[in-house]
Protein backbone atom coordinates (compact mmCIF):
# COMPACT_ATOMS: atom_id res chain seq x y z
CA MET A 1 0.00 0.00 0.00
CA GLU A 2 2.90 2.36 0.76
CA ASP A 3 4.29 1.83 -2.75
CA ASP A 4 0.88 2.61 -4.24
CA LEU A 5 0.63 5.81 -2.21
CA ALA A 6 4.15 6.86 -3.20
CA ALA A 7 3.36 6.19 -6.86
CA ARG A 8 0.12 8.21 -6.66
CA ILE A 9 1.92 11.11 -5.00
CA ALA A 10 4.76 11.00 -7.54
CA ALA A 11 2.24 11.13 -10.39
CA HIS A 12 0.11 13.92 -8.93
CA PRO A 13 0.29 17.10 -11.08
CA GLN A 14 0.58 19.40 -8.05
CA TYR A 15 3.48 17.31 -6.70
CA LEU A 16 5.24 17.48 -10.06
CA LYS A 17 4.73 21.24 -10.10
CA LEU A 18 6.06 21.51 -6.54
CA LYS A 19 9.08 19.34 -7.31
CA HIS A 20 9.93 21.29 -10.46
CA ARG A 21 9.64 24.72 -8.80
CA ARG A 22 11.47 23.70 -5.64
CA ASP A 23 14.30 22.00 -7.53
CA ARG A 24 14.78 24.90 -9.93
CA PHE A 25 14.71 27.46 -7.13
CA GLY A 26 17.09 25.42 -4.97
CA TRP A 27 19.60 24.95 -7.78
CA THR A 28 19.43 28.66 -8.66
CA LEU A 29 20.21 29.68 -5.08
CA ALA A 30 22.95 27.04 -4.85
CA LEU A 31 24.55 28.37 -8.02
CA LEU A 32 24.40 31.94 -6.72
CA MET A 33 25.98 30.84 -3.45
CA LEU A 34 28.75 28.99 -5.26
CA ILE A 35 29.50 32.03 -7.41
CA VAL A 36 29.70 34.33 -4.37
CA TYR A 37 31.70 31.92 -2.21
CA TYR A 38 34.15 30.76 -4.84
CA GLY A 39 34.44 34.31 -6.16
CA PHE A 40 35.66 35.31 -2.71
CA VAL A 41 38.01 32.30 -2.53
CA LEU A 42 39.41 33.16 -5.96
CA LEU A 43 40.01 36.73 -4.81
CA VAL A 44 41.88 35.40 -1.79
CA ALA A 45 43.93 33.09 -4.01
CA PHE A 46 44.71 35.39 -6.91
CA ASP A 47 44.27 39.01 -5.83
CA LYS A 48 45.48 39.32 -2.27
CA ASP A 49 46.63 42.88 -2.92
CA PHE A 50 43.06 43.95 -3.70
CA LEU A 51 41.74 42.42 -0.48
CA ALA A 52 44.65 43.85 1.52
CA ARG A 53 43.87 47.47 0.58
CA ARG A 54 43.19 49.52 3.65
CA ILE A 55 39.94 51.39 4.08
CA GLY A 56 40.74 54.87 5.29
CA ASP A 57 43.44 55.38 7.92
CA GLY A 58 42.46 52.43 10.11
CA VAL A 59 43.48 48.80 10.07
CA MET A 60 40.41 47.50 8.22
CA THR A 61 41.03 46.10 4.75
CA LEU A 62 38.64 45.47 1.87
CA GLY A 63 38.74 41.75 2.63
CA MET A 64 36.83 42.20 5.88
CA PRO A 65 33.63 43.79 4.50
CA ILE A 66 33.73 41.55 1.43
CA GLY A 67 34.03 38.44 3.64
CA PHE A 68 31.25 39.79 5.86
CA GLY A 69 29.19 40.34 2.71
CA VAL A 70 29.54 36.66 1.83
CA ILE A 71 28.14 35.74 5.25
CA VAL A 72 25.29 38.27 4.95
CA PHE A 73 24.50 36.99 1.44
CA THR A 74 24.26 33.44 2.80
CA ILE A 75 21.84 34.52 5.51
CA ALA A 76 19.80 36.57 3.01
CA ILE A 77 19.32 33.76 0.49
CA THR A 78 18.47 31.35 3.31
CA ALA A 79 15.80 33.76 4.57
CA TYR A 80 14.53 34.18 1.01
CA TYR A 81 14.29 30.41 0.56
CA VAL A 82 12.42 29.99 3.85
CA ARG A 83 10.02 32.81 2.98
CA ARG A 84 9.24 31.36 -0.44
CA ALA A 85 8.98 27.83 0.96
CA ASN A 86 6.45 28.99 3.55
CA ALA A 87 4.44 30.98 1.03
CA GLU A 88 4.50 28.76 -2.06
CA PHE A 89 5.96 25.32 -1.47
CA ASP A 90 3.97 24.62 1.70
CA VAL A 91 0.72 25.50 -0.09
CA LEU A 92 1.51 23.06 -2.90
CA SER A 93 2.49 20.39 -0.36
CA GLU A 94 -0.79 20.84 1.49
CA THR A 95 -2.70 20.51 -1.79
CA VAL A 96 -1.03 17.19 -2.49
CA ILE A 97 -1.56 15.96 1.09
CA LYS A 98 -5.27 16.85 1.00
CA ALA A 99 -5.69 15.15 -2.37
CA MET A 100 -4.12 11.95 -1.04
CA GLN A 101 -6.38 11.73 2.02
CA PRO A 102 -8.61 8.62 2.06
CA GLY A 103 -11.77 10.73 1.82
CA ALA A 104 -10.61 12.73 -1.20
CA SER A 105 -12.43 12.20 -4.46
CA LYS A 106 -10.72 10.47 -7.37
CA GLY A 107 -10.79 13.73 -9.33
CA ALA A 108 -8.92 15.54 -6.54
CA GLN A 109 -6.41 12.70 -6.35
CA LYS A 110 -5.68 13.13 -10.06
CA GLY A 111 -5.38 16.90 -9.72
CA VAL A 112 -8.69 17.62 -11.45
CA LYS A 113 -10.74 20.44 -9.94
CA LYS A 114 -14.42 19.87 -9.31
C-alpha cells in the first residue's frame, strides 16, 4: 500500500509542479551561493593585494567587509528560501496531502478540480 501511495503522490500534477519549482529554485540559489563563495576564494587566491587594501586610515582592509558580505549573502538567500517555501511550497504540499487523504475524491487525487 505504501508503494501505491508513493506512486500516486509522484504522479500527482501538483506534486510534479512543486518538485519542479522547488528543484529549480534550490539549484538557482545554490549556483548563486557557489558564485559568491568561490568568487571570494578566488580573490583570496589570486588578488590578495586587492583584499589587503586599507579602508581609510584604520586597520580594516577590503577583505573584511567583502568576507562579511559573503556571510550576509548566505543569511539573506536562506531567509529568502524559507520565505518562499512557507508561502509557495507549503501550499503546494498541502494541496497534495489533501488530495491523497482517504476521503478525497478520485478527481482531486488526479489533480482535477471539481
